[in-house]
Protein backbone atom coordinates (compact mmCIF):
# COMPACT_ATOMS: atom_id res chain seq x y z
CA MET A 1 -0.87 15.73 -51.98
CA THR A 2 -3.30 12.83 -52.48
CA GLY A 3 -0.55 10.79 -54.14
CA THR A 4 1.76 11.32 -51.15
CA ILE A 5 -0.94 10.18 -48.71
CA MET A 6 -1.61 7.07 -50.80
CA ARG A 7 2.11 6.21 -50.85
CA VAL A 8 2.33 6.61 -47.06
CA LEU A 9 -0.75 4.43 -46.54
CA LYS A 10 0.64 1.81 -48.91
CA GLN A 11 3.98 1.77 -47.03
CA ALA A 12 2.16 1.53 -43.70
CA LYS A 13 0.09 -1.38 -45.02
CA SER A 14 3.24 -3.15 -46.20
CA ILE A 15 4.96 -2.63 -42.84
CA PHE A 16 1.85 -3.87 -41.01
CA LEU A 17 1.64 -7.01 -43.17
CA ILE A 18 5.35 -7.73 -42.76
CA GLY A 19 5.03 -7.29 -39.01
CA LEU A 20 1.94 -9.52 -38.89
CA ILE A 21 3.65 -12.25 -40.90
CA THR A 22 6.78 -11.99 -38.70
CA VAL A 23 4.76 -12.30 -35.46
CA PHE A 24 2.76 -15.21 -36.89
CA SER A 25 5.94 -16.98 -37.98
CA ILE A 26 7.58 -16.51 -34.57
CA LEU A 27 4.51 -17.83 -32.76
CA LEU A 28 4.22 -20.75 -35.17
CA VAL A 29 7.83 -21.82 -34.60
CA ASP A 30 7.50 -21.20 -30.84
CA GLY A 31 4.28 -23.23 -30.69
CA ILE A 32 5.85 -26.17 -32.54
CA LEU A 33 8.96 -26.13 -30.34
CA THR A 34 6.90 -25.83 -27.14
CA ALA A 35 4.57 -28.66 -28.14
CA SER A 36 7.52 -30.88 -29.14
CA GLY A 37 9.18 -30.50 -25.75
CA LEU A 38 12.49 -29.68 -27.44
CA LEU A 39 12.93 -26.34 -25.65
CA PRO A 40 15.22 -26.44 -22.61
CA GLU A 41 14.04 -24.94 -19.33
CA LEU A 42 14.56 -21.22 -19.57
CA PRO A 43 16.29 -19.17 -16.83
CA GLY A 44 13.80 -16.90 -15.15
CA LYS A 45 10.74 -18.88 -16.19
CA VAL A 46 9.66 -19.29 -12.57
CA ASN A 47 5.99 -20.02 -13.21
CA ALA A 48 6.42 -23.38 -14.94
CA TYR A 49 5.52 -25.32 -11.80
CA ARG A 50 2.96 -22.93 -10.29
CA THR A 51 -0.76 -23.36 -10.80
CA ARG A 52 -4.06 -21.86 -9.72
CA HIS A 53 -6.22 -23.73 -7.20
CA SER A 54 -10.01 -23.50 -7.01
CA VAL A 55 -10.12 -23.65 -3.19
CA TYR A 56 -6.94 -22.10 -1.83
CA HIS A 57 -5.94 -19.77 -4.66
CA HIS A 58 -2.62 -21.22 -5.87
CA ASP A 59 -0.21 -24.10 -5.41
CA LEU A 60 2.69 -26.03 -6.92
CA LYS A 61 1.88 -28.50 -9.69
CA PRO A 62 1.72 -32.13 -8.50
CA ASN A 63 4.32 -34.66 -9.66
CA TYR A 64 6.52 -31.91 -11.05
CA ARG A 65 10.19 -32.46 -11.79
CA GLY A 66 12.16 -29.57 -13.24
CA HIS A 67 14.13 -26.51 -12.28
CA ASP A 68 13.48 -23.24 -10.54
CA PHE A 69 15.24 -19.99 -11.26
CA TRP A 70 15.33 -17.41 -8.48
CA GLY A 71 17.21 -14.45 -9.91
CA PRO A 72 20.62 -15.86 -10.89
CA LEU A 73 20.09 -18.95 -8.70
CA HIS A 74 19.23 -22.21 -10.45
CA TYR A 75 18.21 -25.41 -8.70
CA GLU A 76 16.19 -28.57 -9.23
CA LEU A 77 12.63 -28.60 -7.88
CA CYS A 78 10.30 -31.56 -7.42
CA THR A 79 6.85 -32.14 -5.93
CA ASP A 80 4.86 -35.18 -4.88
CA GLU A 81 1.35 -36.23 -5.95
CA HIS A 82 -0.12 -33.53 -3.67
CA GLY A 83 2.07 -30.70 -4.96
CA PHE A 84 4.16 -30.70 -1.75
CA ARG A 85 7.82 -29.89 -2.36
CA ILE A 86 10.09 -32.93 -1.94
CA SER A 87 13.67 -33.97 -2.56
CA CYS A 88 14.43 -34.73 -6.21
CA GLN A 89 16.66 -37.54 -4.92
CA LYS A 90 13.73 -39.30 -3.29
CA THR A 91 13.67 -42.92 -4.47
CA ASP A 92 10.54 -44.14 -2.69
CA ASN A 93 7.73 -42.56 -4.71
CA ARG A 94 4.85 -44.45 -3.17
CA PRO A 95 1.90 -42.12 -2.43
CA GLU A 96 1.90 -40.84 1.13
CA THR A 97 -1.19 -39.60 2.94
CA HIS A 98 -0.13 -39.82 6.58
CA PHE A 99 2.64 -37.51 7.77
CA ASP A 100 4.20 -37.15 11.20
CA ILE A 101 4.97 -33.46 10.80
CA ALA A 102 3.99 -30.84 8.21
CA PHE A 103 5.22 -27.30 7.67
CA ILE A 104 3.20 -24.50 6.11
CA GLY A 105 4.17 -20.91 5.33
CA ASP A 106 4.99 -18.76 2.33
CA SER A 107 8.13 -18.36 0.17
CA TYR A 108 10.43 -18.75 3.20
CA THR A 109 8.88 -22.17 3.87
CA GLU A 110 8.87 -23.16 0.21
CA ALA A 111 12.53 -22.06 0.49
CA VAL A 112 12.89 -20.18 -2.78
CA GLY A 113 16.47 -19.87 -3.98
CA VAL A 114 17.83 -23.07 -2.42
CA PRO A 115 17.63 -26.80 -3.25
CA TYR A 116 15.33 -28.89 -1.08
CA GLU A 117 18.31 -30.50 0.65
CA GLU A 118 19.48 -27.05 1.86
CA SER A 119 16.03 -25.88 2.95
CA PHE A 120 15.12 -26.09 6.62
CA VAL A 121 12.39 -28.65 5.86
CA GLY A 122 14.85 -30.72 3.83
CA LEU A 123 17.41 -30.57 6.65
CA TYR A 124 14.76 -31.64 9.16
CA ALA A 125 13.66 -34.56 6.98
CA ALA A 126 17.27 -35.65 6.43
CA LYS A 127 18.06 -35.66 10.15
CA HIS A 128 14.86 -37.51 11.02
CA PRO A 129 14.31 -40.25 8.42
CA GLU A 130 12.03 -41.94 10.94
CA TYR A 131 9.50 -39.12 10.42
CA ARG A 132 7.31 -38.61 7.38
CA VAL A 133 7.72 -34.89 6.66
CA ALA A 134 5.55 -32.70 4.40
CA ASN A 135 6.21 -29.18 3.12
CA LEU A 136 2.92 -27.42 2.32
CA GLY A 137 4.58 -23.99 2.00
CA VAL A 138 4.21 -21.99 -1.21
CA SER A 139 5.23 -18.47 -2.13
CA SER A 140 2.67 -15.72 -1.35
CA TYR A 141 0.64 -17.74 1.15
CA SER A 142 -0.89 -16.16 4.26
CA PRO A 143 -3.21 -17.33 7.10
CA SER A 144 -6.38 -17.44 4.98
CA ILE A 145 -4.63 -19.86 2.61
CA TYR A 146 -2.99 -21.80 5.46
CA LEU A 147 -6.49 -22.45 6.78
CA LYS A 148 -8.15 -23.42 3.50
CA LYS A 149 -5.24 -25.55 2.28
CA VAL A 150 -5.07 -27.58 5.48
CA GLU A 151 -8.87 -27.90 5.53
CA TYR A 152 -8.84 -29.09 1.92
CA TRP A 153 -6.18 -31.76 2.37
CA LEU A 154 -7.69 -33.06 5.60
CA ALA A 155 -10.94 -33.52 3.66
CA GLN A 156 -8.96 -35.45 1.02
CA GLY A 157 -7.74 -37.89 3.68
CA VAL A 158 -4.23 -36.45 4.13
CA THR A 159 -3.33 -36.35 7.83
CA PHE A 160 -0.45 -35.26 10.04
CA LYS A 161 0.26 -35.43 13.74
CA HIS A 162 1.83 -31.99 14.06
CA LEU A 163 1.49 -28.84 11.94
CA VAL A 164 4.20 -26.18 12.17
CA VAL A 165 2.99 -22.79 10.90
CA LEU A 166 5.53 -20.13 9.92
CA PRO A 167 3.58 -16.85 9.60
CA ASP A 168 5.61 -14.39 7.55
CA ILE A 169 6.06 -10.65 8.05
CA SER A 170 4.34 -10.09 4.67
CA ASP A 171 1.24 -12.04 5.78
CA ILE A 172 -0.30 -8.94 7.34
CA GLN A 173 -0.32 -6.98 4.09
CA ASP A 174 -1.56 -10.04 2.17
CA GLU A 175 -4.48 -10.45 4.58
CA ALA A 176 -5.27 -6.72 4.43
CA THR A 177 -5.01 -6.16 0.69
CA ARG A 178 -4.74 -9.41 -1.24
CA TYR A 179 -6.96 -12.31 -0.13
CA ARG A 180 -10.47 -12.96 1.13
CA ILE A 181 -12.34 -16.14 2.03
CA TYR A 182 -15.68 -15.91 0.23
CA PRO A 183 -18.55 -17.34 2.35
CA ASP A 184 -20.60 -18.54 -0.63
CA SER A 185 -17.85 -20.78 -2.00
CA GLY A 186 -15.62 -21.18 1.04
CA SER A 187 -12.61 -20.60 -1.19
CA VAL A 188 -9.82 -18.03 -1.12
CA GLY A 189 -9.88 -15.41 -3.84
CA GLY A 190 -8.57 -11.95 -4.51
CA LEU A 191 -9.76 -8.97 -2.48
CA LYS A 192 -12.26 -8.20 -5.23
CA PRO A 193 -14.09 -10.96 -7.15
CA LEU A 194 -12.73 -11.46 -10.66
CA THR A 195 -14.71 -9.82 -13.42
CA TRP A 196 -15.35 -11.80 -16.61
CA THR A 197 -12.83 -9.62 -18.44
CA LYS A 198 -10.17 -10.36 -15.80
CA LYS A 199 -10.94 -14.09 -15.98
CA LEU A 200 -10.67 -13.94 -19.77
CA ARG A 201 -7.34 -12.13 -19.55
CA LEU A 202 -5.94 -14.66 -17.05
CA SER A 203 -7.13 -17.56 -19.22
CA PHE A 204 -5.41 -16.03 -22.22
CA LEU A 205 -2.17 -15.51 -20.29
CA ASP A 206 -2.27 -19.12 -19.05
CA PHE A 207 -2.86 -20.36 -22.61
CA PHE A 208 -0.05 -18.17 -23.97
CA LYS A 209 2.40 -19.31 -21.29
CA GLU A 210 1.51 -22.96 -21.87
CA HIS A 211 1.75 -22.91 -25.69
CA PHE A 212 4.30 -20.20 -26.52
CA SER A 213 6.88 -20.57 -23.77
CA LEU A 214 9.80 -18.99 -25.64
CA THR A 215 7.90 -15.79 -26.50
CA ASP A 216 6.44 -15.67 -22.98
CA PHE A 217 9.96 -15.95 -21.57
CA PHE A 218 11.30 -13.03 -23.62
CA PHE A 219 8.31 -10.84 -22.73
CA LYS A 220 8.93 -11.53 -19.03
CA LYS A 221 12.65 -10.79 -19.39
CA LEU A 222 11.85 -7.50 -21.14
CA SER A 223 9.38 -6.60 -18.39
CA ASN A 224 11.90 -7.46 -15.66
CA TYR A 225 14.61 -5.44 -17.42
CA SER A 226 12.29 -2.43 -17.62
CA ALA A 227 11.34 -2.74 -13.93
CA ALA A 228 15.00 -3.06 -12.90
CA GLY A 229 15.86 0.05 -14.92
CA GLU A 230 13.09 2.04 -13.26
CA GLN A 231 14.24 0.87 -9.82
CA LYS A 232 17.82 1.91 -10.60
CA LYS A 233 16.64 5.30 -11.87
CA GLN A 234 14.75 5.90 -8.63
CA GLY A 235 17.80 4.94 -6.57
CA THR A 236 16.02 2.10 -4.79
CA PRO A 237 18.58 -0.11 -2.99
CA GLY A 238 18.73 -3.75 -4.03
CA LEU A 239 18.38 -4.80 -0.41
CA ASP A 240 15.16 -3.10 0.59
CA PHE A 241 15.39 -2.54 4.35
CA LEU A 242 12.23 -0.44 4.22
CA SER A 243 10.00 -2.70 2.13
CA GLU A 244 6.37 -1.69 2.50
CA ARG A 245 5.44 -5.35 2.94
CA SER A 246 7.52 -5.51 6.09
CA PHE A 247 7.28 -1.93 7.33
CA TRP A 248 4.14 -2.43 9.45
CA THR A 249 6.18 -3.61 12.45
CA THR A 250 7.46 -0.06 12.90
CA ASP A 251 4.49 1.87 11.51
CA PHE A 252 0.92 0.76 12.24
CA ASP A 253 -0.35 3.75 10.26
CA ASN A 254 1.36 2.74 7.02
CA THR A 255 -0.92 3.57 4.08
CA GLY A 256 0.00 0.50 2.01
CA TYR A 257 -2.45 -1.79 3.82
CA GLY A 258 -5.74 -0.91 2.14
CA GLU A 259 -9.00 0.06 3.78
CA THR A 260 -8.52 -2.21 6.80
CA GLY A 261 -5.05 -0.84 7.55
CA VAL A 262 -2.34 -2.68 9.45
CA ARG A 263 -4.62 -3.37 12.42
CA GLY A 264 -7.27 -4.86 10.16
CA GLY A 265 -4.68 -7.08 8.50
CA ILE A 266 -3.50 -8.29 11.91
CA ALA A 267 -7.09 -8.98 12.99
CA LEU A 268 -7.79 -11.06 9.87
CA ALA A 269 -4.54 -13.00 10.23
CA LEU A 270 -5.33 -13.82 13.87
CA GLU A 271 -8.93 -14.76 13.04
CA HIS A 272 -7.87 -17.24 10.35
CA MET A 273 -5.11 -18.70 12.52
CA LYS A 274 -7.59 -19.19 15.37
CA THR A 275 -9.97 -21.01 13.00
CA LEU A 276 -7.04 -23.15 11.85
CA LYS A 277 -6.18 -24.00 15.45
CA THR A 278 -9.81 -25.02 16.11
CA LEU A 279 -9.75 -27.23 13.00
CA LEU A 280 -6.52 -28.91 14.12
CA ASP A 281 -7.86 -29.45 17.65
CA LYS A 282 -10.90 -31.18 16.13
CA HIS A 283 -8.56 -33.61 14.35
CA THR A 284 -6.24 -33.98 17.37
CA ILE A 285 -3.33 -32.38 15.52
CA LYS A 286 -0.74 -30.36 17.40
CA MET A 287 0.03 -26.83 16.21
CA SER A 288 3.31 -24.96 16.66
CA VAL A 289 4.24 -21.48 15.44
CA VAL A 290 7.69 -20.32 14.30
CA VAL A 291 8.59 -16.66 13.61
CA TYR A 292 11.68 -15.16 11.97
CA PRO A 293 12.78 -11.68 10.79
CA TRP A 294 13.10 -9.98 7.43
CA PRO A 295 16.21 -7.80 6.96
CA SER A 296 14.06 -4.71 7.65
CA GLN A 297 13.28 -5.97 11.16
CA LEU A 298 16.99 -6.40 11.82
CA ALA A 299 17.64 -2.86 10.63
CA ASN A 300 14.72 -1.10 12.31
CA ASP A 301 13.21 -3.14 15.14
CA ALA A 302 14.08 -4.60 18.50
CA SER A 303 14.04 -8.37 18.94
CA GLY A 304 10.51 -8.49 20.38
CA HIS A 305 8.88 -6.47 17.57
CA PRO A 306 5.12 -6.83 16.78
CA GLY A 307 5.88 -9.53 14.20
CA VAL A 308 6.91 -11.64 17.20
CA SER A 309 4.59 -10.44 19.95
CA ILE A 310 1.28 -10.96 18.13
CA TRP A 311 2.09 -14.63 17.47
CA LYS A 312 3.58 -15.20 20.90
CA ASP A 313 0.41 -13.82 22.49
CA PHE A 314 -1.67 -15.92 20.09
CA CYS A 315 0.10 -19.11 21.14
CA GLU A 316 -0.34 -18.30 24.81
CA ARG A 317 -4.08 -17.74 24.33
CA GLU A 318 -4.66 -20.71 22.03
CA HIS A 319 -2.27 -23.12 23.75
CA CYS A 320 0.08 -23.96 20.88
CA ALA A 321 2.28 -26.99 21.37
CA THR A 322 5.40 -24.83 20.89
CA PHE A 323 6.29 -21.25 20.01
CA VAL A 324 9.73 -20.74 18.45
CA ASP A 325 11.22 -17.26 17.97
CA VAL A 326 14.31 -17.16 15.75
CA ASN A 327 14.76 -13.38 16.05
CA PRO A 328 17.14 -13.42 19.09
CA PHE A 329 19.77 -15.37 17.13
CA TYR A 330 20.00 -12.58 14.56
CA PHE A 331 19.99 -9.72 17.04
CA ASP A 332 22.73 -11.46 19.04
CA ALA A 333 24.74 -11.82 15.81
CA ILE A 334 24.21 -8.11 15.02
CA ALA A 335 25.55 -7.19 18.47
CA LYS A 336 28.80 -8.93 17.53
CA SER A 337 29.11 -7.46 14.02
CA SER A 338 26.61 -5.34 12.05
CA VAL A 339 23.24 -5.52 10.33
CA ARG A 340 24.91 -5.51 6.93
CA ASP A 341 27.26 -8.39 7.81
CA VAL A 342 24.43 -10.48 9.25
CA VAL A 343 22.20 -9.88 6.23
CA ASN A 344 25.02 -10.72 3.82
CA THR A 345 25.73 -13.92 5.74
CA TYR A 346 22.23 -15.34 6.16
CA TYR A 347 20.13 -13.90 3.33
CA ILE A 348 20.28 -14.30 -0.44
CA HIS A 349 22.23 -11.43 -2.00
CA ASP A 350 19.95 -8.46 -2.77
CA ASP A 351 16.96 -10.43 -1.54
CA VAL A 352 14.91 -10.78 1.66
CA HIS A 353 14.87 -14.61 1.70
CA PHE A 354 17.20 -16.90 3.62
CA ASN A 355 20.14 -18.50 1.85
CA ALA A 356 21.40 -21.97 2.82
CA MET A 357 22.93 -20.62 6.07
CA GLY A 358 19.72 -18.82 7.01
CA ASN A 359 17.79 -22.04 6.39
CA GLU A 360 20.22 -23.88 8.63
CA VAL A 361 19.60 -21.39 11.43
CA LEU A 362 15.86 -21.93 11.05
CA PHE A 363 16.31 -25.71 11.02
CA ASN A 364 18.43 -25.67 14.19
CA ALA A 365 15.86 -23.57 16.05
CA ILE A 366 13.01 -25.88 14.99
CA ASP A 367 14.92 -29.11 15.55
CA GLU A 368 15.83 -28.05 19.07
CA ARG A 369 12.21 -27.51 20.07
CA ILE A 370 9.79 -29.41 17.85
CA ARG A 371 9.11 -33.13 17.43
CA PRO A 372 5.93 -34.86 16.19
């Protein structure tokens, strides 16, 4: 009996050592390839150009030139010295600090899934070469970050005559459950302050991603494959008309909005937008607000849903330069066809973000109403 146990332990030790040597060898080769810069950009490695920010939580890396992968979509992505998204075809790379018009919002404003030239900001800049245009939008932003990012760059000497804010449907959940402005530091952080163990874990993940990009890529692909399999098993549709992040416009009692609830999320969003408006007034900068629908609003709401009315009322109270509502275009289109046809035409397939045609609709609505 003892001899059998010893043999099993010896085999286990051999397997462990072989596994340890294999992992070490893989990481060694990966580390050498990553450091050499010989690895091509990997499809799905979407975090290569994203970075943490000490004041406003996260941003795009400055002076970045590479590619983004949004699902199966692949496109070139470039930023300027501030981390603002720009055209990769831009030939005049002199530093700019004074802009005529700037746009800020979340992933819709960053325009994930489309090249800069097909984004609404890119279309606006192309039509108006006489204007200096900045895109401050980054995925997963919300009003607390809009405020702190604009405040930060104004303090750095970056100015603009007109700021166009595009509050997203998901901003309410982000304000309720994701971000807080901490009074002691004045910076945006997570809902709960990071513990030392969480900070250590994030530092390790950043180090791993930076130095072992090939292994990091395969781990992410495996994780995404597992999540997709679970979604398929649960029968969740690829086009999520009832996404919890957008469902608040039809259900103010939705339980996915933390302790503050939907109403608390709305109150925080309005509070931070009002503080932003006060900041802009102090610097004599105009502020306009633009709203647009997710597919779930097209499927479940009327044109003047709460995602429109709260910002329309805000602009009336705070005297915005312009309020632009893109929702009627989509509801008019639905009246002539169907929700499914409209979503398939203007949104990325199996995604809630605008495709090139959706960006063009947004550009036309803004261009018709807003000038510096």
